[in-house]
Amino acid sequence: DFQIDTDWRLGFVGRNGRGKTTLLRLLMGEYEYGGRIQASVSFDYFPYPVQNPERMTEEILREICPEAEEWEFMKELFGLKMREDAFWRPFETLSNGERTKALLAALFLKEGNFLLIDEPTNHLDLDAIAWLEEFLINFENTVIVVSHDRYFLNKVCTQIADIDYGKIQLYAGNYDFWYESSQ
């Protein structure tokens, strides 16, 4: 049992195979489980699974965030230093980094949702990681992040959950605080 406050930026840490991504997928309702998960908000999971990547990037992003206006997508993509034409290209023609940025841009335009973000720094360059850090620091809703990027977790997270063999230990503080406390 554990409860997450609505203003946390929670980082999940633990060795590979200990259940970090599984817990996110349980929150999304993708697996059967015993017990109870209560939430007063909706969850959004990153990375968003893209069906038919030959479709235009615009179509995929509008599917993720149908309420967003074109200018809002452009603003987010610009903030991530993406070329404007990426919005009107087939998704499959984008690099892995561009795909990650595009999906993050759409995810962040969705309002009022609790974000579950799994390994967001994969495929991102240093500028995009810095943008993502700043965005998450200023984000008003709760975020749960799974990452092996210690620097990223240290910069972004206000709480750390150490997951090990089905047990969760919560720490109030960033990655450095968790590391020092868990030794």
Protein backbone atom coordinates (compact mmCIF):
# COMPACT_ATOMS: atom_id res chain seq x y z
CA ASP A 1 0.00 0.00 0.00
CA PHE A 2 1.11 3.50 -0.73
CA GLN A 3 -0.47 6.83 -1.53
CA ILE A 4 0.82 9.43 -3.95
CA ASP A 5 0.19 13.10 -3.33
CA THR A 6 -1.03 15.23 -6.20
CA ASP A 7 2.01 17.51 -6.30
CA TRP A 8 4.76 14.89 -6.43
CA ARG A 9 7.28 14.26 -9.12
CA LEU A 10 7.95 10.66 -8.16
CA GLY A 11 10.86 8.69 -9.55
CA PHE A 12 10.77 4.89 -9.51
CA VAL A 13 14.18 3.32 -9.03
CA GLY A 14 15.30 -0.27 -8.78
CA ARG A 15 17.28 -2.85 -10.67
CA ASN A 16 16.09 -4.13 -14.02
CA GLY A 17 13.22 -6.57 -13.74
CA ARG A 18 12.03 -5.42 -10.29
CA GLY A 19 8.61 -4.18 -11.42
CA LYS A 20 8.89 -0.47 -12.23
CA THR A 21 7.27 -0.62 -15.66
CA THR A 22 4.89 -3.35 -14.49
CA LEU A 23 3.60 -1.01 -11.78
CA LEU A 24 2.97 1.72 -14.37
CA ARG A 25 1.10 -0.76 -16.56
CA LEU A 26 -0.96 -1.89 -13.56
CA LEU A 27 -1.96 1.73 -12.98
CA MET A 28 -3.03 1.90 -16.63
CA GLY A 29 -5.19 -1.20 -16.15
CA GLU A 30 -3.20 -3.28 -18.65
CA TYR A 31 -2.67 -6.25 -16.31
CA GLU A 32 -4.95 -8.18 -14.00
CA TYR A 33 -4.15 -7.78 -10.32
CA GLY A 34 -5.41 -8.49 -6.85
CA GLY A 35 -6.15 -5.63 -4.54
CA ARG A 36 -7.35 -2.17 -5.36
CA ILE A 37 -6.04 0.87 -7.17
CA GLN A 38 -7.93 4.07 -6.42
CA ALA A 39 -7.41 7.21 -8.45
CA SER A 40 -9.41 10.39 -8.80
CA VAL A 41 -7.60 11.32 -12.03
CA SER A 42 -6.93 9.72 -15.39
CA PHE A 43 -3.53 8.29 -16.26
CA ASP A 44 -1.53 8.88 -19.42
CA TYR A 45 1.39 6.61 -20.27
CA PHE A 46 4.54 7.47 -22.19
CA PRO A 47 5.71 6.14 -24.56
CA TYR A 48 2.39 6.17 -26.35
CA PRO A 49 2.08 3.08 -28.57
CA VAL A 50 1.95 4.17 -32.20
CA GLN A 51 -0.15 2.04 -34.49
CA ASN A 52 0.62 2.40 -38.18
CA PRO A 53 3.70 4.67 -38.05
CA GLU A 54 3.33 5.32 -41.79
CA ARG A 55 0.59 7.81 -40.87
CA MET A 56 1.36 11.52 -40.69
CA THR A 57 2.82 12.77 -37.43
CA GLU A 58 -0.01 15.32 -37.20
CA GLU A 59 -2.61 12.52 -37.23
CA ILE A 60 -0.81 10.55 -34.52
CA LEU A 61 -0.40 13.59 -32.26
CA ARG A 62 -4.05 14.61 -32.71
CA GLU A 63 -5.04 11.06 -31.75
CA ILE A 64 -3.13 11.45 -28.47
CA CYS A 65 -4.40 14.95 -27.79
CA PRO A 66 -7.51 15.70 -29.89
CA GLU A 67 -8.33 18.92 -28.02
CA ALA A 68 -5.02 20.64 -28.88
CA GLU A 69 -4.85 23.31 -31.56
CA GLU A 70 -2.20 23.25 -34.29
CA TRP A 71 -0.43 26.29 -32.78
CA GLU A 72 -0.15 24.45 -29.44
CA PHE A 73 1.56 21.49 -31.10
CA MET A 74 3.89 23.90 -32.91
CA LYS A 75 4.77 25.68 -29.66
CA GLU A 76 5.68 22.39 -27.94
CA LEU A 77 7.63 21.09 -30.93
CA PHE A 78 9.49 24.41 -31.20
CA GLY A 79 10.36 24.21 -27.50
CA LEU A 80 11.86 20.79 -28.19
CA LYS A 81 13.85 22.28 -31.09
CA MET A 82 12.07 20.24 -33.74
CA ARG A 83 11.69 21.43 -37.29
CA GLU A 84 8.18 22.56 -38.12
CA ASP A 85 7.92 20.21 -41.11
CA ALA A 86 8.11 17.17 -38.78
CA PHE A 87 4.44 17.75 -37.98
CA TRP A 88 3.46 17.07 -41.61
CA ARG A 89 5.78 14.14 -42.30
CA PRO A 90 5.05 10.44 -41.90
CA PHE A 91 5.89 9.44 -38.33
CA GLU A 92 8.10 6.60 -39.55
CA THR A 93 10.42 9.12 -41.26
CA LEU A 94 11.25 10.82 -37.95
CA SER A 95 14.40 9.83 -36.10
CA ASN A 96 14.00 8.04 -32.76
CA GLY A 97 14.74 11.31 -30.97
CA GLU A 98 12.16 13.19 -33.04
CA ARG A 99 9.57 10.50 -32.36
CA THR A 100 10.22 10.78 -28.63
CA LYS A 101 9.95 14.58 -28.75
CA ALA A 102 6.74 14.51 -30.79
CA LEU A 103 5.06 12.03 -28.45
CA LEU A 104 6.16 14.03 -25.39
CA ALA A 105 4.80 17.24 -26.95
CA ALA A 106 1.36 15.67 -27.43
CA LEU A 107 1.40 14.08 -23.99
CA PHE A 108 2.16 17.38 -22.29
CA LEU A 109 -0.71 19.13 -24.04
CA LYS A 110 -3.23 16.85 -22.35
CA GLU A 111 -4.61 18.64 -19.33
CA GLY A 112 -5.45 17.32 -15.89
CA ASN A 113 -3.99 13.86 -16.30
CA PHE A 114 -1.55 12.02 -14.08
CA LEU A 115 1.51 11.26 -16.21
CA LEU A 116 3.30 7.91 -16.13
CA ILE A 117 6.54 8.41 -18.03
CA ASP A 118 8.76 5.42 -18.78
CA GLU A 119 12.38 6.15 -19.78
CA PRO A 120 11.73 9.58 -21.33
CA THR A 121 15.38 10.48 -21.90
CA ASN A 122 16.01 7.59 -24.30
CA HIS A 123 16.90 8.97 -27.74
CA LEU A 124 16.99 12.61 -26.54
CA ASP A 125 19.94 14.94 -26.94
CA LEU A 126 21.17 17.11 -24.06
CA ASP A 127 19.12 20.16 -25.12
CA ALA A 128 15.92 18.12 -25.24
CA ILE A 129 16.67 16.55 -21.85
CA ALA A 130 17.23 20.02 -20.37
CA TRP A 131 13.90 21.17 -21.85
CA LEU A 132 12.16 18.09 -20.45
CA GLU A 133 13.67 18.66 -17.00
CA GLU A 134 12.49 22.26 -16.94
CA PHE A 135 9.05 21.30 -18.19
CA LEU A 136 8.58 18.63 -15.52
CA ILE A 137 9.90 20.87 -12.75
CA ASN A 138 7.19 23.40 -13.63
CA PHE A 139 4.46 20.85 -14.40
CA GLU A 140 1.48 21.30 -12.07
CA ASN A 141 0.20 17.72 -11.98
CA THR A 142 1.72 14.58 -10.52
CA VAL A 143 4.27 12.73 -12.59
CA ILE A 144 5.71 9.28 -12.07
CA VAL A 145 8.98 8.73 -13.91
CA VAL A 146 10.85 5.50 -14.50
CA SER A 147 14.40 6.21 -15.59
CA HIS A 148 17.92 4.90 -15.28
CA ASP A 149 19.21 8.44 -15.87
CA ARG A 150 20.36 9.36 -12.36
CA TYR A 151 21.10 12.97 -13.23
CA PHE A 152 17.60 13.38 -14.69
CA LEU A 153 15.94 11.82 -11.63
CA ASN A 154 18.05 13.97 -9.32
CA LYS A 155 17.06 17.14 -11.13
CA VAL A 156 13.34 16.40 -11.59
CA CYS A 157 12.08 14.26 -8.72
CA THR A 158 10.78 15.41 -5.34
CA GLN A 159 10.16 11.84 -4.11
CA ILE A 160 11.80 8.50 -4.90
CA ALA A 161 10.16 5.08 -4.69
CA ASP A 162 12.62 2.21 -4.44
CA ILE A 163 11.03 -0.94 -5.86
CA ASP A 164 12.58 -4.26 -4.96
CA TYR A 165 10.86 -7.65 -5.18
CA GLY A 166 7.34 -6.30 -4.73
CA LYS A 167 8.22 -3.95 -1.87
CA ILE A 168 8.15 -0.19 -2.22
CA GLN A 169 10.12 2.14 0.03
CA LEU A 170 9.29 5.86 -0.33
CA TYR A 171 11.85 8.62 0.22
CA ALA A 172 11.03 12.34 0.39
CA GLY A 173 13.78 13.92 -1.68
CA ASN A 174 15.65 13.58 -4.94
CA TYR A 175 17.87 10.78 -6.25
CA ASP A 176 20.93 11.88 -4.23
CA PHE A 177 18.89 11.84 -1.02
CA TRP A 178 17.59 8.34 -1.82
CA TYR A 179 21.08 7.10 -2.67
CA GLU A 180 22.59 8.41 0.56
CA SER A 181 19.63 7.14 2.65
CA SER A 182 19.58 3.67 1.14
CA GLN A 183 23.27 2.87 1.68
